[in-house]
Protein backbone atom coordinates (compact mmCIF):
# COMPACT_ATOMS: atom_id res chain seq x y z
CA UNK A 1 2.89 23.10 16.18
CA UNK A 2 1.39 22.98 12.70
CA UNK A 3 3.45 21.30 10.05
CA UNK A 4 4.92 23.20 7.11
CA UNK A 5 5.51 20.23 4.85
CA UNK A 6 4.85 20.94 1.19
CA UNK A 7 2.86 18.02 -0.21
CA UNK A 8 2.39 17.23 -3.86
CA UNK A 9 0.46 14.28 -5.20
CA UNK A 10 0.05 11.86 -8.05
CA UNK A 11 -2.83 12.80 -10.32
CA UNK A 12 -3.03 9.13 -11.38
CA UNK A 13 -3.94 8.02 -7.85
CA UNK A 14 -6.27 10.97 -7.35
CA UNK A 15 -8.01 10.21 -10.64
CA UNK A 16 -8.41 6.54 -9.82
CA UNK A 17 -10.19 7.29 -6.56
CA UNK A 18 -12.30 9.99 -8.21
CA UNK A 19 -13.42 7.50 -10.86
CA UNK A 20 -14.21 4.89 -8.22
CA UNK A 21 -16.16 7.39 -6.17
CA UNK A 22 -18.14 8.42 -9.25
CA UNK A 23 -19.06 4.80 -9.96
CA UNK A 24 -19.81 3.97 -6.31
CA UNK A 25 -17.06 1.35 -6.09
CA UNK A 26 -14.44 0.55 -3.45
CA UNK A 27 -10.76 0.34 -4.34
CA UNK A 28 -8.97 -2.99 -4.12
CA UNK A 29 -5.33 -2.33 -3.22
CA UNK A 30 -3.10 -5.37 -3.74
CA UNK A 31 0.31 -5.74 -2.10
CA UNK A 32 2.99 -7.89 -3.72
CA UNK A 33 6.59 -8.48 -2.64
CA UNK A 34 8.91 -7.59 -5.49
CA UNK A 35 10.66 -10.68 -6.83
CA UNK A 36 8.54 -13.22 -4.95
CA UNK A 37 8.36 -16.11 -5.53
CA UNK A 38 10.68 -15.32 -8.45
CA UNK A 39 11.16 -12.58 -11.04
CA UNK A 40 9.07 -14.20 -13.77
CA UNK A 41 6.06 -14.89 -11.56
CA UNK A 42 6.33 -11.50 -9.88
CA UNK A 43 6.25 -9.81 -13.28
CA UNK A 44 3.31 -11.95 -14.43
CA UNK A 45 1.35 -11.11 -11.28
CA UNK A 46 1.91 -7.38 -11.70
CA UNK A 47 0.68 -7.55 -15.27
CA UNK A 48 -2.42 -9.62 -14.45
CA UNK A 49 -3.70 -7.94 -11.27
CA UNK A 50 -5.67 -5.17 -12.99
CA UNK A 51 -7.71 -7.61 -15.07
CA UNK A 52 -8.38 -9.62 -11.90
CA UNK A 53 -9.85 -6.52 -10.25
CA UNK A 54 -7.07 -4.56 -8.57
CA UNK A 55 -7.28 -0.75 -8.61
CA UNK A 56 -3.92 0.03 -7.01
CA UNK A 57 -0.79 -2.09 -6.61
CA UNK A 58 1.59 -1.75 -3.69
CA UNK A 59 4.97 -3.20 -4.57
CA UNK A 60 6.94 -4.11 -1.48
CA UNK A 61 10.69 -3.58 -1.46
CA UNK A 62 12.28 -6.55 0.33
CA UNK A 63 14.16 -5.50 3.46
CA UNK A 64 16.32 -7.44 5.90
CA UNK A 65 14.60 -6.09 9.03
CA UNK A 66 10.88 -5.74 8.23
CA UNK A 67 9.71 -4.92 11.76
CA UNK A 68 6.14 -3.99 10.75
CA UNK A 69 5.55 -7.21 8.84
CA UNK A 70 4.33 -10.57 10.01
CA UNK A 71 5.78 -13.99 9.12
CA UNK A 72 4.26 -14.32 5.63
CA UNK A 73 5.70 -11.08 4.26
CA UNK A 74 8.94 -11.51 6.24
CA UNK A 75 9.49 -14.88 4.61
CA UNK A 76 8.72 -13.53 1.14
CA UNK A 77 11.19 -10.67 1.71
CA UNK A 78 13.93 -13.05 2.84
CA UNK A 79 13.32 -15.26 -0.19
CA UNK A 80 13.42 -12.30 -2.59
CA UNK A 81 16.55 -10.84 -0.98
CA UNK A 82 18.32 -14.19 -1.22
CA UNK A 83 17.52 -14.22 -4.94
CA UNK A 84 19.09 -10.77 -5.38
CA UNK A 85 16.05 -8.48 -5.32
CA UNK A 86 16.63 -4.90 -4.15
CA UNK A 87 15.02 -1.50 -4.64
CA UNK A 88 16.55 -0.76 -8.04
CA UNK A 89 15.58 -4.18 -9.35
CA UNK A 90 12.08 -3.64 -7.98
CA UNK A 91 11.88 -0.43 -10.00
CA UNK A 92 13.08 -2.35 -13.05
CA UNK A 93 10.31 -4.87 -12.45
CA UNK A 94 7.70 -2.10 -12.35
CA UNK A 95 9.08 -0.58 -15.54
CA UNK A 96 8.90 -3.93 -17.33
CA UNK A 97 5.36 -4.60 -16.09
CA UNK A 98 4.17 -1.21 -17.41
CA UNK A 99 0.79 -1.47 -15.68
CA UNK A 100 -2.00 1.01 -16.29
CA UNK A 101 -3.28 1.23 -12.71
CA UNK A 102 -1.50 3.30 -10.03
CA UNK A 103 1.50 1.69 -8.38
CA UNK A 104 2.78 2.56 -4.90
CA UNK A 105 6.32 1.84 -3.73
CA UNK A 106 5.99 0.25 -0.27
CA UNK A 107 9.30 0.47 1.56
CA UNK A 108 11.16 0.96 4.79
CA UNK A 109 13.28 4.10 4.94
CA UNK A 110 16.71 2.46 4.80
CA UNK A 111 16.44 1.11 1.23
CA UNK A 112 15.31 4.52 0.01
CA UNK A 113 18.21 6.32 1.68
CA UNK A 114 20.72 3.76 0.43
CA UNK A 115 19.47 4.17 -3.14
CA UNK A 116 20.50 7.84 -3.36
CA UNK A 117 18.80 11.24 -3.49
CA UNK A 118 17.51 10.72 -7.02
CA UNK A 119 15.69 7.47 -6.17
CA UNK A 120 12.26 9.11 -6.14
CA UNK A 121 12.69 10.59 -9.61
CA UNK A 122 13.95 7.19 -10.81
CA UNK A 123 10.89 5.63 -9.24
CA UNK A 124 8.62 8.05 -11.10
CA UNK A 125 10.43 7.28 -14.36
CA UNK A 126 9.84 3.56 -13.75
CA UNK A 127 6.10 4.11 -13.38
CA UNK A 128 5.68 4.54 -9.62
CA UNK A 129 2.88 6.92 -8.62
CA UNK A 130 3.15 6.98 -4.84
CA UNK A 131 5.40 6.06 -1.95
CA UNK A 132 4.59 4.64 1.48
CA UNK A 133 7.34 4.45 4.11
CA UNK A 134 6.44 2.17 6.98
CA UNK A 135 8.92 3.50 9.55
CA UNK A 136 8.72 7.28 9.12
CA UNK A 137 6.05 8.62 11.48
CA UNK A 138 4.98 12.24 11.21
CA UNK A 139 7.55 14.59 12.74
CA UNK A 140 10.30 11.98 13.06
CA UNK A 141 12.51 13.46 10.32
CA UNK A 142 11.23 16.65 8.71
CA UNK A 143 13.99 16.76 6.11
CA UNK A 144 13.14 13.28 4.85
CA UNK A 145 9.43 14.02 4.99
CA UNK A 146 9.95 17.15 2.87
CA UNK A 147 11.99 15.09 0.40
CA UNK A 148 9.17 12.58 0.06
CA UNK A 149 6.35 15.11 0.13
CA UNK A 150 7.85 17.31 -2.57
CA UNK A 151 8.81 14.45 -4.90
CA UNK A 152 5.73 14.58 -7.10
CA UNK A 153 4.77 11.10 -5.92
CA UNK A 154 1.77 10.69 -3.65
CA UNK A 155 3.11 10.50 -0.08
CA UNK A 156 0.84 7.98 1.60
CA UNK A 157 0.76 8.12 5.39
CA UNK A 158 -0.17 5.49 7.96
CA UNK A 159 -2.69 5.96 10.76
CA UNK A 160 -2.94 3.52 13.68
CA UNK A 161 -6.17 2.67 15.53
CA UNK A 162 -4.77 4.34 18.66
CA UNK A 163 -3.99 7.64 16.89
CA UNK A 164 -5.80 10.60 18.53
CA UNK A 165 -8.18 12.58 16.31
CA UNK A 166 -6.01 15.72 16.26
CA UNK A 167 -2.97 13.76 15.13
CA UNK A 168 -5.05 11.93 12.52
CA UNK A 169 -5.87 15.29 11.02
CA UNK A 170 -2.22 16.40 11.05
CA UNK A 171 -1.03 13.15 9.48
CA UNK A 172 -3.60 13.44 6.72
CA UNK A 173 -2.69 17.09 6.02
CA UNK A 174 0.90 15.98 5.51
CA UNK A 175 0.07 13.18 3.13
CA UNK A 176 -1.57 12.73 -0.25
CA UNK A 177 -3.11 10.08 -2.47
CA UNK A 178 -4.91 8.24 0.30
CA UNK A 179 -4.53 7.47 4.00
CA UNK A 180 -3.63 3.92 4.98
CA UNK A 181 -5.59 3.01 8.11
CA UNK A 182 -4.07 0.11 10.03
CA UNK A 183 -7.02 -2.01 11.13
CA UNK A 184 -5.46 -3.30 14.35
CA UNK A 185 -2.33 -3.13 16.46
CA UNK A 186 0.60 -5.44 15.70
CA UNK A 187 2.29 -6.53 12.49
CA UNK A 188 0.84 -7.49 9.13
CA UNK A 189 -0.72 -10.92 8.86
CA UNK A 190 -3.78 -13.00 8.15
CA UNK A 191 -6.61 -12.74 10.71
CA UNK A 192 -9.88 -14.58 11.19
CA UNK A 193 -11.86 -11.51 12.23
CA UNK A 194 -11.63 -7.80 11.60
CA UNK A 195 -11.18 -5.59 14.65
CA UNK A 196 -14.42 -4.77 16.48
CA UNK A 197 -13.44 -1.13 16.92
CA UNK A 198 -12.55 -0.59 13.24
CA UNK A 199 -15.82 1.16 12.27
CA UNK A 200 -15.34 3.71 15.05
CA UNK A 201 -11.71 4.28 14.10
CA UNK A 202 -12.65 4.74 10.45
CA UNK A 203 -15.36 7.22 11.41
CA UNK A 204 -12.87 9.28 13.44
CA UNK A 205 -10.45 9.33 10.52
CA UNK A 206 -13.26 10.22 8.10
CA UNK A 207 -14.02 13.28 10.23
CA UNK A 208 -10.34 14.27 10.15
CA UNK A 209 -9.63 14.17 6.40
CA UNK A 210 -11.11 14.37 2.92
CA UNK A 211 -8.50 11.99 1.52
CA UNK A 212 -9.66 8.49 0.57
CA UNK A 213 -9.26 5.96 3.40
CA UNK A 214 -7.85 2.51 2.68
CA UNK A 215 -7.85 -0.13 5.40
CA UNK A 216 -5.23 -2.86 5.66
CA UNK A 217 -3.63 -5.42 8.04
CA UNK A 218 -5.44 -8.71 8.42
CA UNK A 219 -7.74 -8.58 5.39
CA UNK A 220 -7.70 -12.10 4.03
CA UNK A 221 -11.18 -13.22 2.96
CA UNK A 222 -13.99 -11.88 0.75
CA UNK A 223 -16.23 -11.30 3.77
CA UNK A 224 -13.53 -9.11 5.31
CA UNK A 225 -13.34 -7.05 2.14
CA UNK A 226 -17.13 -6.75 1.97
CA UNK A 227 -17.41 -5.51 5.56
CA UNK A 228 -14.54 -3.04 5.28
CA UNK A 229 -15.80 -1.79 1.92
CA UNK A 230 -18.87 -0.43 3.70
CA UNK A 231 -16.79 1.94 5.86
CA UNK A 232 -13.73 2.72 3.72
CA UNK A 233 -12.79 3.88 0.23
CA UNK A 234 -10.35 1.05 -0.27
CA UNK A 235 -9.31 -2.36 1.06
CA UNK A 236 -5.65 -3.39 1.20
CA UNK A 237 -4.78 -7.07 0.91
CA UNK A 238 -1.20 -8.12 1.59
CA UNK A 239 -0.27 -11.26 3.51
CA UNK A 240 -3.15 -13.32 2.13
CA UNK A 241 -2.17 -12.42 -1.42
CA UNK A 242 1.51 -13.13 -0.81
CA UNK A 243 0.63 -16.50 0.73
CA UNK A 244 -1.54 -17.32 -2.29
CA UNK A 245 1.33 -16.37 -4.60
CA UNK A 246 3.39 -19.11 -2.95
CA UNK A 247 1.00 -21.57 -4.61
CA UNK A 248 1.31 -19.82 -7.97
CA UNK A 249 0.18 -16.70 -9.81
CA UNK A 250 -3.23 -18.14 -10.67
CA UNK A 251 -3.93 -18.81 -7.00
CA UNK A 252 -3.24 -15.16 -6.23
CA UNK A 253 -5.45 -14.04 -9.09
CA UNK A 254 -8.30 -16.28 -7.92
CA UNK A 255 -8.13 -14.62 -4.50
CA UNK A 256 -8.05 -11.17 -6.13
CA UNK A 257 -11.15 -11.95 -8.20
CA UNK A 258 -13.02 -13.19 -5.15
CA UNK A 259 -12.19 -10.02 -3.23
CA UNK A 260 -13.25 -7.85 -6.16
CA UNK A 261 -16.55 -9.72 -6.42
CA UNK A 262 -17.19 -9.27 -2.70
CA UNK A 263 -16.52 -5.52 -2.91
CA UNK A 264 -18.85 -5.17 -5.89
CA UNK A 265 -21.79 -6.99 -4.31
């Protein structure tokens, strides 16, 4: 049955992708775990990522049971939680950073529900432009999906490589901002090779939606970004960037610059 979700979007995200499309460039979407490795470095990284080449920032809300994440992001979440980071403090971090590029709140559903019904408006006030919920598949909870879709934030949906074409289309119709295409099955993490079937999956999704397509999971090296940039509108880098952050903010920025250079070649 066709969905009746009412979807609004963030003009800031839409405009960013329109500008990139006009200039023939691919978006670099950078994931950071809020509060990792500590508040000061997390804030510095948020403020420096745009100059290093990021187009969109995903700020991950640490969660105690991150079932979709691999060991690198799990460890960063545990570290941030132990230091007192939570959703409201993550929003405070975004507000302090005051970045110019679009920022997406990357969260599991539980922290959002625990934060209260006004959390999405508080997120918007802090400078958040979109929201991605990792554990809310299409049709699982229509009331929550309506709440997210009508918030005024871009409601970014996930598509798996095994998703049938018809469901891809339905997922995309009930999302906004961009579609996050998971490059392979499993959890987040650093991989040596990109999935062989990714070009075919991206082509099926391209036929199902006019929204920008951003590919993530396993992107860790410039050559990965370069290859994915040929078939997608954006490349998402998470675990590799978080691992680099462990060595310091500059290490993460060096990786970001190398990915940006690869995408621009």
